[in-house]
Amino acid sequence: MMKRNLFTLNTHLINRYLLKNTTLTERFKKISKLVSNQENNEPCKKLYNKNFFKIMNNGSFLPAGNTLVATEKSIYPNCAIYGDIHENNIDIKRLTNLWSNSIGLGFQFDKCKNPINVLKKLSEINSKIDLLHRPQRGNFGTLSWNHPCIKEFINCKNDNPDSIYNFNISVTLDKDFWINYNNKDNNALKIMNLISEGIYNTGDPGLLFIDNIHKNIPFINKTIEPPLGELNTLVPCGEQTMYSNETCNLGSINLNSPYFDSVNSDEIINFKNFKHVIYNSLRFLDNVVDILEIPDKQMEKRTKQIRRIGLGVSGFADLLIKKNIKYGSDESFEYAEKISSILSHESELYNELLAFEKGPNELLNNKRNHTITCLPPTGGISLLWGNQGFSIEPSFEDAINIDYKDHIKMVKIWQNNINNSISKTINIKNNFDIKLIPEIIVNAYQNNLKCVTIYRDKSRENQPMNKILCETC
């Protein structure tokens, strides 16, 4: 059998990852050395230099873009939580400093008198930043359902879906909303209808289920300064919920890598190799925390306090295709449970071992990192690997033919085993009945999803997920 290429490169990806004057192999060698230099002694530096290079070069792990360009630039976080924003705290210099280093930001607009004006102001500042070939990170803004301006917020993209293009917007729904909605309160029903119309017309807004987010928050055992505040918003693609002034660095395991080809037909992947990559990937991301260059003193302090990282996956749908398993079938759910539970168990175990070896985080109980797994969208690195399915997504062509309940069930299975959140779209057909959209939202909430994005096929002229445009997302 002909061995397939482990990586797919085109002009866009070469420019995106600053590869004009180097090769991926050379880049991996430099990154491995840089990250392994954070180890405590020479034998460990040599061992993990070798291990980190191996898992990148064999196509089984890659860090996200801001780390992948390391050695050409400093390692900046992938994303951060700016937190509460309002008319009187728009710090243009601070925002520009963060955005200029390709850091996507999450905002919460509840303290704004006029959130639409603030949103447009932020979008305008962001749009003026030119990162040349590096992609501008998207941003995330959320507003609670009971804010006086919620209706205008929901409708702010209706006239032009591509306006405020650099922000995903979301409505925060809490327990009070669901009490009102279930009691047929007129205002709650009207807001649900407006949300449904917005989703049908443009794919916006998304939904943030704040009480689901607040369940099972890892315990922090002491008061820290500045105070943590509330978990009230997400990073741009929804995979991490963090406190204000936190940042994160991300990486993903490629389930479609030949390194995971199973030795026998009973296994969907080689679990021995899978565990090996989990351990080394987590150690890699933990080391990156120590060498992040964070262009903001508040964020630098909070990041080093909490040490949050995000290990995810890519190529789950490709793995299913390789094994002739239909996405959304009982067998696909069975394997989702098996893979995600092993990812969770081994990650938690190794996080404790890291704490024993390198020292625990004084804020946590026998752990080194606050949360360690999430499922980012993996756009660029999935393209590098040549995967059709980003993260746990099916290919876009398949996605619209999968029942929304199966999309939600897949997220639920992974979410049960993932520390943080999941970037996942519920795709619906162009002729989907708008009256059924509230049913999707209720189903997602009842299945303990933390957030949800729903996209109707061809609802935007510049469709963000077709093959032509996915290279720029």
Protein backbone atom coordinates (compact mmCIF):
# COMPACT_ATOMS: atom_id res chain seq x y z
CA MET A 1 0.00 0.00 0.00
CA MET A 2 1.30 3.47 -0.90
CA LYS A 3 2.09 5.54 2.15
CA ARG A 4 0.04 8.73 2.15
CA ASN A 5 1.62 12.10 2.81
CA LEU A 6 1.37 13.05 6.47
CA PHE A 7 0.99 16.76 5.69
CA THR A 8 -0.73 18.81 3.02
CA LEU A 9 0.80 22.15 2.12
CA ASN A 10 -0.49 24.86 -0.18
CA THR A 11 0.36 28.54 -0.61
CA HIS A 12 -2.18 29.60 2.01
CA LEU A 13 -0.80 27.24 4.67
CA ILE A 14 2.81 28.08 3.82
CA ASN A 15 2.01 31.76 4.34
CA ARG A 16 -0.14 31.14 7.39
CA TYR A 17 2.55 29.21 9.23
CA LEU A 18 5.50 31.28 7.94
CA LEU A 19 7.08 28.34 6.09
CA LYS A 20 8.53 30.12 3.05
CA ASN A 21 12.16 29.70 4.08
CA THR A 22 11.96 26.49 6.07
CA THR A 23 10.32 23.05 6.07
CA LEU A 24 7.86 21.58 8.51
CA THR A 25 10.48 19.10 9.68
CA GLU A 26 12.94 21.89 10.43
CA ARG A 27 10.19 23.83 12.23
CA PHE A 28 9.33 20.77 14.35
CA LYS A 29 12.98 20.36 15.36
CA LYS A 30 13.22 23.98 16.48
CA ILE A 31 9.91 23.90 18.39
CA SER A 32 10.81 20.61 20.08
CA LYS A 33 14.10 22.01 21.29
CA LEU A 34 12.51 25.26 22.46
CA VAL A 35 9.73 23.53 24.42
CA SER A 36 11.87 20.69 25.83
CA ASN A 37 14.36 23.25 27.18
CA GLN A 38 11.81 23.91 29.94
CA GLU A 39 12.60 20.51 31.46
CA ASN A 40 14.54 20.42 34.73
CA ASN A 41 17.66 18.50 33.69
CA GLU A 42 19.67 17.48 30.63
CA PRO A 43 18.45 13.85 30.39
CA CYS A 44 14.82 15.07 30.41
CA LYS A 45 15.59 17.79 27.89
CA LYS A 46 17.07 15.21 25.51
CA LEU A 47 14.25 12.70 26.04
CA TYR A 48 11.42 15.15 25.49
CA ASN A 49 13.17 16.93 22.63
CA LYS A 50 13.09 13.53 20.91
CA ASN A 51 9.50 12.73 21.98
CA PHE A 52 8.05 16.12 21.05
CA PHE A 53 9.66 15.98 17.62
CA LYS A 54 8.40 12.44 17.06
CA ILE A 55 4.73 13.15 17.80
CA MET A 56 4.72 16.22 15.55
CA ASN A 57 6.69 14.67 12.73
CA ASN A 58 4.63 11.47 12.60
CA GLY A 59 1.42 13.49 12.24
CA SER A 60 -0.11 12.58 15.60
CA PHE A 61 0.05 15.95 17.42
CA LEU A 62 0.37 19.63 16.60
CA PRO A 63 0.12 22.74 18.74
CA ALA A 64 -2.23 25.46 17.55
CA GLY A 65 -1.06 28.18 15.19
CA ASN A 66 0.51 30.68 17.57
CA THR A 67 2.83 27.96 18.89
CA LEU A 68 3.39 26.42 15.46
CA VAL A 69 5.04 29.64 14.28
CA ALA A 70 7.44 29.57 17.26
CA THR A 71 11.09 30.26 16.45
CA GLU A 72 9.89 32.71 13.79
CA LYS A 73 7.95 34.67 16.40
CA SER A 74 7.51 34.51 20.15
CA ILE A 75 4.88 32.06 21.39
CA TYR A 76 1.74 34.03 22.09
CA PRO A 77 -1.47 32.56 23.56
CA ASN A 78 -4.10 31.44 21.08
CA CYS A 79 -6.91 33.23 22.85
CA ALA A 80 -7.82 35.09 26.02
CA ILE A 81 -10.76 36.35 28.03
CA TYR A 82 -10.97 40.13 28.18
CA GLY A 83 -14.14 39.80 30.26
CA ASP A 84 -16.54 42.60 31.08
CA ILE A 85 -16.45 45.46 28.58
CA HIS A 86 -18.39 48.72 28.62
CA GLU A 87 -18.29 52.26 27.31
CA ASN A 88 -15.78 53.47 29.91
CA ASN A 89 -13.16 50.71 29.77
CA ILE A 90 -12.36 50.40 26.06
CA ASP A 91 -8.56 50.48 26.23
CA ILE A 92 -7.56 50.84 22.59
CA LYS A 93 -3.83 50.45 23.29
CA ARG A 94 -4.35 47.27 25.31
CA LEU A 95 -6.73 45.77 22.74
CA THR A 96 -4.43 46.60 19.84
CA ASN A 97 -1.48 45.06 21.66
CA LEU A 98 -3.36 41.79 22.11
CA TRP A 99 -4.91 41.65 18.65
CA SER A 100 -1.60 42.57 16.98
CA ASN A 101 -0.20 39.31 18.32
CA SER A 102 -3.00 37.21 16.82
CA ILE A 103 -4.81 36.62 20.13
CA GLY A 104 -8.58 36.15 19.89
CA LEU A 105 -10.61 37.66 22.72
CA GLY A 106 -13.84 36.87 24.56
CA PHE A 107 -16.02 39.74 25.86
CA GLN A 108 -19.11 40.04 28.04
CA PHE A 109 -21.37 43.02 27.24
CA ASP A 110 -23.83 43.00 30.16
CA LYS A 111 -22.37 46.18 31.71
CA CYS A 112 -22.82 48.20 28.50
CA LYS A 113 -25.53 50.81 28.21
CA ASN A 114 -25.48 50.31 24.45
CA PRO A 115 -23.80 46.98 23.65
CA ILE A 116 -24.28 47.41 19.88
CA ASN A 117 -22.22 50.60 19.82
CA VAL A 118 -19.49 49.00 21.91
CA LEU A 119 -19.50 45.88 19.70
CA LYS A 120 -19.16 48.00 16.55
CA LYS A 121 -16.39 50.06 18.13
CA LEU A 122 -14.41 46.93 19.01
CA SER A 123 -14.99 45.49 15.55
CA GLU A 124 -13.71 48.69 13.97
CA ILE A 125 -10.53 48.69 16.09
CA ASN A 126 -9.91 45.04 15.28
CA SER A 127 -10.48 45.44 11.54
CA LYS A 128 -7.70 48.04 11.26
CA ILE A 129 -5.02 45.58 12.42
CA ASP A 130 -3.07 44.03 9.55
CA LEU A 131 -1.30 40.77 10.43
CA LEU A 132 -0.06 40.21 6.87
CA HIS A 133 -0.23 36.44 6.20
CA ARG A 134 -1.14 35.45 9.75
CA PRO A 135 -4.90 35.08 10.28
CA GLN A 136 -6.77 37.61 12.36
CA ARG A 137 -8.26 35.79 15.30
CA GLY A 138 -12.01 35.95 15.61
CA ASN A 139 -13.62 37.35 18.75
CA PHE A 140 -16.57 36.40 20.91
CA GLY A 141 -19.17 38.63 22.51
CA THR A 142 -22.10 37.59 24.64
CA LEU A 143 -25.07 39.39 26.18
CA SER A 144 -27.57 38.05 28.72
CA TRP A 145 -31.14 37.46 27.61
CA ASN A 146 -32.56 39.95 30.14
CA HIS A 147 -30.41 42.94 29.09
CA PRO A 148 -32.57 45.91 27.94
CA CYS A 149 -30.86 45.88 24.51
CA ILE A 150 -31.04 42.12 23.90
CA LYS A 151 -33.42 42.38 20.93
CA GLU A 152 -31.18 44.84 19.09
CA PHE A 153 -28.18 42.62 19.90
CA ILE A 154 -29.85 39.53 18.46
CA ASN A 155 -30.77 41.42 15.27
CA CYS A 156 -27.47 43.29 14.78
CA LYS A 157 -26.33 41.10 11.85
CA ASN A 158 -29.67 40.60 10.15
CA ASP A 159 -29.35 43.34 7.53
CA ASN A 160 -25.79 42.34 6.61
CA PRO A 161 -24.62 38.90 7.84
CA ASP A 162 -21.00 39.81 7.09
CA SER A 163 -21.10 42.97 9.17
CA ILE A 164 -19.14 42.77 12.41
CA TYR A 165 -17.48 39.84 10.62
CA ASN A 166 -14.72 39.57 13.24
CA PHE A 167 -17.11 38.79 16.12
CA ASN A 168 -19.19 35.73 16.88
CA ILE A 169 -22.12 36.85 19.00
CA SER A 170 -24.01 34.77 21.51
CA VAL A 171 -26.94 35.12 23.90
CA THR A 172 -26.46 33.92 27.48
CA LEU A 173 -29.40 31.90 28.79
CA ASP A 174 -29.60 31.17 32.53
CA LYS A 175 -32.00 29.22 34.76
CA ASP A 176 -34.35 32.19 35.02
CA PHE A 177 -34.77 32.22 31.25
CA TRP A 178 -35.75 28.55 31.21
CA ILE A 179 -38.22 29.03 34.06
CA ASN A 180 -39.85 31.87 32.14
CA TYR A 181 -39.75 30.01 28.84
CA ASN A 182 -41.29 26.85 30.28
CA ASN A 183 -44.01 28.99 31.89
CA LYS A 184 -44.81 30.48 28.44
CA ASP A 185 -43.73 33.96 29.49
CA ASN A 186 -44.30 36.31 26.55
CA ASN A 187 -40.90 37.99 26.74
CA ALA A 188 -38.98 34.71 26.91
CA LEU A 189 -41.01 33.29 24.00
CA LYS A 190 -40.39 36.44 21.95
CA ILE A 191 -36.64 36.27 22.62
CA MET A 192 -36.54 32.60 21.59
CA ASN A 193 -38.34 33.49 18.35
CA LEU A 194 -35.91 36.32 17.62
CA ILE A 195 -32.96 34.00 18.29
CA SER A 196 -34.47 31.41 15.94
CA GLU A 197 -34.99 33.98 13.19
CA GLY A 198 -31.42 35.20 13.55
CA ILE A 199 -30.05 31.66 13.33
CA TYR A 200 -32.25 30.88 10.32
CA ASN A 201 -31.16 34.03 8.47
CA THR A 202 -27.46 34.33 9.37
CA GLY A 203 -26.27 31.60 11.76
CA ASP A 204 -26.08 34.20 14.56
CA PRO A 205 -26.50 34.33 17.49
CA GLY A 206 -25.07 31.30 19.18
CA LEU A 207 -26.26 30.26 22.64
CA LEU A 208 -24.29 30.10 25.87
CA PHE A 209 -25.87 27.97 28.63
CA ILE A 210 -24.32 29.58 31.66
CA ASP A 211 -25.69 27.22 34.32
CA ASN A 212 -24.32 24.22 32.40
CA ILE A 213 -20.94 25.98 32.35
CA HIS A 214 -21.05 26.50 36.11
CA LYS A 215 -21.61 22.81 36.82
CA ASN A 216 -18.53 20.85 37.88
CA ILE A 217 -16.12 23.79 37.84
CA PRO A 218 -12.74 22.50 39.12
CA PHE A 219 -12.17 23.59 42.69
CA ILE A 220 -9.77 26.45 43.45
CA ASN A 221 -8.78 26.13 47.09
CA LYS A 222 -7.75 29.67 47.97
CA THR A 223 -8.62 33.28 47.31
CA ILE A 224 -6.34 34.88 44.75
CA GLU A 225 -5.71 38.45 43.70
CA PRO A 226 -7.12 39.94 41.65
CA PRO A 227 -10.39 38.07 42.37
CA LEU A 228 -11.43 35.45 39.84
CA GLY A 229 -14.80 37.01 39.01
CA GLU A 230 -17.39 35.03 37.07
CA LEU A 231 -17.09 32.56 34.23
CA ASN A 232 -19.33 34.56 31.91
CA THR A 233 -17.98 34.29 28.38
CA LEU A 234 -16.01 32.06 26.02
CA VAL A 235 -13.06 32.29 23.68
CA PRO A 236 -13.90 33.01 20.01
CA CYS A 237 -14.76 29.47 18.91
CA GLY A 238 -16.37 28.37 22.16
CA GLU A 239 -13.89 25.69 23.26
CA GLN A 240 -12.69 27.38 26.45
CA THR A 241 -14.54 29.15 29.22
CA MET A 242 -12.09 31.04 31.43
CA TYR A 243 -11.95 33.76 34.03
CA SER A 244 -11.22 37.36 33.05
CA ASN A 245 -7.57 37.94 32.08
CA GLU A 246 -6.85 34.26 31.49
CA THR A 247 -5.17 33.00 28.34
CA CYS A 248 -4.75 29.52 26.95
CA ASN A 249 -2.51 27.60 24.59
CA LEU A 250 -3.99 24.76 22.60
CA GLY A 251 -2.94 21.60 20.80
CA SER A 252 -4.67 18.65 19.17
CA ILE A 253 -4.14 14.95 18.61
CA ASN A 254 -4.77 13.72 15.06
CA LEU A 255 -6.91 10.60 15.41
CA ASN A 256 -6.44 10.01 11.67
CA SER A 257 -2.66 9.68 11.99
CA PRO A 258 -1.09 6.44 10.65
CA TYR A 259 0.67 6.25 14.02
CA PHE A 260 -2.69 5.24 15.48
CA ASP A 261 -3.46 2.53 12.94
CA SER A 262 -4.71 -0.40 14.99
CA VAL A 263 -2.70 -3.60 15.23
CA ASN A 264 -5.84 -5.76 15.20
CA SER A 265 -9.28 -5.29 13.74
CA ASP A 266 -10.97 -5.20 17.16
CA GLU A 267 -9.41 -1.84 18.04
CA ILE A 268 -10.48 1.34 16.29
CA ILE A 269 -7.07 2.87 17.09
CA ASN A 270 -3.80 1.75 18.63
CA PHE A 271 -4.54 2.74 22.22
CA LYS A 272 -0.96 2.16 23.40
CA ASN A 273 0.30 4.77 20.94
CA PHE A 274 -2.68 7.01 21.73
CA LYS A 275 -1.75 7.09 25.42
CA HIS A 276 1.90 7.80 24.55
CA VAL A 277 0.84 10.84 22.53
CA ILE A 278 -1.55 12.06 25.26
CA TYR A 279 1.26 12.08 27.84
CA ASN A 280 3.74 13.88 25.62
CA SER A 281 1.17 16.35 24.27
CA LEU A 282 0.14 17.39 27.78
CA ARG A 283 3.73 17.78 28.86
CA PHE A 284 4.38 19.86 25.74
CA LEU A 285 1.43 22.21 26.46
CA ASP A 286 2.37 22.51 30.14
CA ASN A 287 5.90 23.54 29.14
CA VAL A 288 4.50 26.11 26.72
CA VAL A 289 2.77 27.90 29.63
CA ASP A 290 6.23 28.79 30.97
CA ILE A 291 7.47 30.32 27.71
CA LEU A 292 4.35 32.15 26.58
CA GLU A 293 4.99 35.78 25.81
CA ILE A 294 1.83 37.50 27.04
CA PRO A 295 1.67 41.18 26.04
CA ASP A 296 -0.48 42.09 29.03
CA LYS A 297 0.66 42.06 32.68
CA GLN A 298 -2.75 41.14 34.12
CA MET A 299 -3.12 38.22 31.72
CA GLU A 300 0.44 37.07 32.30
CA LYS A 301 -0.12 36.87 36.07
CA ARG A 302 -3.46 35.06 35.83
CA THR A 303 -2.17 32.59 33.21
CA LYS A 304 0.80 31.58 35.36
CA GLN A 305 -1.49 31.25 38.41
CA ILE A 306 -3.99 28.89 36.81
CA ARG A 307 -1.90 27.22 34.06
CA ARG A 308 -4.93 26.30 31.95
CA ILE A 309 -4.19 24.32 28.78
CA GLY A 310 -6.37 22.79 26.08
CA LEU A 311 -5.67 19.41 24.49
CA GLY A 312 -8.19 18.36 21.85
CA VAL A 313 -8.50 16.10 18.82
CA SER A 314 -8.90 16.29 15.06
CA GLY A 315 -9.87 13.77 12.42
CA PHE A 316 -12.48 11.82 14.34
CA ALA A 317 -14.77 11.69 11.28
CA ASP A 318 -11.82 10.64 9.08
CA LEU A 319 -11.09 7.80 11.48
CA LEU A 320 -14.70 6.65 11.23
CA ILE A 321 -14.54 6.75 7.42
CA LYS A 322 -11.31 4.71 7.49
CA LYS A 323 -13.14 2.10 9.59
CA ASN A 324 -16.32 2.20 7.44
CA ILE A 325 -18.39 3.54 10.33
CA LYS A 326 -21.19 6.00 9.65
CA TYR A 327 -21.04 9.26 11.63
CA GLY A 328 -24.13 9.34 13.86
CA SER A 329 -24.51 5.56 14.05
CA ASP A 330 -24.56 3.63 17.33
CA GLU A 331 -21.06 2.37 16.54
CA SER A 332 -19.77 5.92 16.07
CA PHE A 333 -21.19 6.88 19.47
CA GLU A 334 -19.60 3.80 21.04
CA TYR A 335 -16.16 4.78 19.72
CA ALA A 336 -16.67 8.42 20.69
CA GLU A 337 -17.28 7.28 24.26
CA LYS A 338 -14.25 4.98 24.27
CA ILE A 339 -11.80 7.48 22.77
CA SER A 340 -13.01 10.46 24.82
CA SER A 341 -13.00 8.51 28.08
CA ILE A 342 -9.43 7.33 27.51
CA LEU A 343 -8.39 10.89 26.61
CA SER A 344 -10.00 12.12 29.83
CA HIS A 345 -8.69 9.39 32.14
CA GLU A 346 -5.12 9.44 30.87
CA SER A 347 -5.01 13.25 30.82
CA GLU A 348 -6.16 13.51 34.43
CA LEU A 349 -3.74 10.79 35.51
CA TYR A 350 -0.79 12.43 33.79
CA ASN A 351 -1.74 15.85 35.13
CA GLU A 352 -1.37 14.42 38.65
CA LEU A 353 1.94 12.78 37.72
CA LEU A 354 3.18 16.10 36.35
CA ALA A 355 2.16 17.78 39.61
CA PHE A 356 4.10 15.14 41.57
CA GLU A 357 7.19 15.55 39.37
CA LYS A 358 7.25 19.30 38.74
CA GLY A 359 5.17 20.56 41.63
CA PRO A 360 1.40 21.01 42.02
CA ASN A 361 -0.42 24.24 41.42
CA GLU A 362 -0.97 25.76 44.88
CA LEU A 363 -4.52 26.76 43.84
CA LEU A 364 -5.57 23.21 42.93
CA ASN A 365 -5.76 19.83 44.63
CA ASN A 366 -2.82 17.71 43.44
CA LYS A 367 -3.07 19.07 39.92
CA ARG A 368 -0.77 21.23 37.86
CA ASN A 369 -3.20 22.71 35.34
CA HIS A 370 -6.70 24.01 36.04
CA THR A 371 -8.37 22.39 33.03
CA ILE A 372 -6.50 20.31 30.47
CA THR A 373 -8.88 19.15 27.71
CA CYS A 374 -11.17 21.01 25.35
CA LEU A 375 -12.13 20.60 21.69
CA PRO A 376 -10.99 23.58 19.59
CA PRO A 377 -12.04 23.76 15.91
CA THR A 378 -8.53 22.81 14.61
CA GLY A 379 -9.07 24.62 11.29
CA GLY A 380 -5.51 25.25 10.14
CA ILE A 381 -3.83 22.17 11.58
CA SER A 382 -6.62 19.91 10.27
CA LEU A 383 -5.91 21.29 6.81
CA LEU A 384 -2.21 20.57 7.33
CA TRP A 385 -3.10 16.97 8.16
CA GLY A 386 -5.44 16.75 5.18
CA ASN A 387 -8.44 15.86 7.36
CA GLN A 388 -11.97 16.34 6.08
CA GLY A 389 -13.39 16.55 9.59
CA PHE A 390 -12.20 19.34 11.88
CA SER A 391 -12.11 18.39 15.57
CA ILE A 392 -15.09 16.00 16.02
CA GLU A 393 -16.98 17.50 13.06
CA PRO A 394 -18.00 15.39 10.08
CA SER A 395 -17.15 16.77 6.66
CA PHE A 396 -19.42 19.68 5.75
CA GLU A 397 -21.05 17.66 2.95
CA ASP A 398 -22.02 14.97 5.45
CA ALA A 399 -22.91 17.35 8.28
CA ILE A 400 -26.16 18.68 6.77
CA ASN A 401 -27.45 15.13 6.26
CA ILE A 402 -27.05 14.17 9.92
CA ASP A 403 -30.05 14.58 12.18
CA TYR A 404 -29.57 17.42 14.66
CA LYS A 405 -30.26 15.03 17.55
CA ASP A 406 -27.27 12.94 16.46
CA HIS A 407 -25.07 16.04 16.28
CA ILE A 408 -26.11 16.89 19.85
CA LYS A 409 -25.68 13.32 21.06
CA MET A 410 -22.11 13.29 19.71
CA VAL A 411 -21.29 16.52 21.55
CA LYS A 412 -22.90 15.21 24.74
CA ILE A 413 -20.74 12.05 24.71
CA TRP A 414 -17.53 14.02 24.25
CA GLN A 415 -18.61 16.74 26.69
CA ASN A 416 -19.07 14.15 29.44
CA ASN A 417 -15.33 13.49 29.21
CA ILE A 418 -13.95 16.93 28.35
CA ASN A 419 -12.85 19.38 31.12
CA ASN A 420 -13.76 22.51 29.30
CA SER A 421 -15.96 23.20 26.29
CA ILE A 422 -16.38 22.06 22.69
CA SER A 423 -16.37 23.93 19.40
CA LYS A 424 -19.07 22.20 17.35
CA THR A 425 -21.71 23.31 14.87
CA ILE A 426 -25.18 21.81 14.54
CA ASN A 427 -25.74 21.86 10.77
CA ILE A 428 -29.25 21.93 9.33
CA LYS A 429 -30.51 21.81 5.75
CA ASN A 430 -31.53 24.89 3.81
CA ASN A 431 -35.22 23.90 3.91
CA PHE A 432 -35.22 23.20 7.66
CA ASP A 433 -38.44 24.37 9.34
CA ILE A 434 -37.67 27.54 11.33
CA LYS A 435 -40.33 26.54 13.87
CA LEU A 436 -38.14 23.58 14.92
CA ILE A 437 -35.06 25.67 15.81
CA PRO A 438 -36.26 26.24 19.42
CA GLU A 439 -36.49 22.46 19.70
CA ILE A 440 -32.77 22.19 18.84
CA ILE A 441 -31.87 24.81 21.46
CA VAL A 442 -33.93 23.10 24.18
CA ASN A 443 -32.46 19.70 23.26
CA ALA A 444 -28.91 21.07 23.45
CA TYR A 445 -29.55 22.65 26.86
CA GLN A 446 -31.21 19.53 28.27
CA ASN A 447 -28.24 17.44 27.14
CA ASN A 448 -25.90 19.64 29.20
CA LEU A 449 -24.08 21.27 26.30
CA LYS A 450 -22.26 24.41 27.40
CA CYS A 451 -22.85 26.31 24.20
CA VAL A 452 -24.28 25.69 20.75
CA THR A 453 -23.95 27.13 17.26
CA ILE A 454 -26.56 26.28 14.64
CA TYR A 455 -25.93 26.89 10.95
CA ARG A 456 -28.50 26.56 8.13
CA ASP A 457 -26.96 25.59 4.80
CA LYS A 458 -26.65 28.52 2.35
CA SER A 459 -28.04 31.03 4.85
CA ARG A 460 -25.03 33.21 4.01
CA GLU A 461 -23.86 34.11 0.53
CA ASN A 462 -20.23 33.84 1.67
CA GLN A 463 -20.72 30.47 3.31
CA PRO A 464 -18.03 30.07 5.99
CA MET A 465 -17.75 26.29 5.83
CA ASN A 466 -17.59 25.43 2.16
CA LYS A 467 -14.43 23.95 0.66
CA ILE A 468 -13.36 27.17 -1.03
CA LEU A 469 -13.49 29.33 2.07
CA CYS A 470 -12.52 26.89 4.83
CA GLU A 471 -8.82 27.60 4.24
CA THR A 472 -9.32 31.11 5.58
CA CYS A 473 -11.37 30.24 8.65
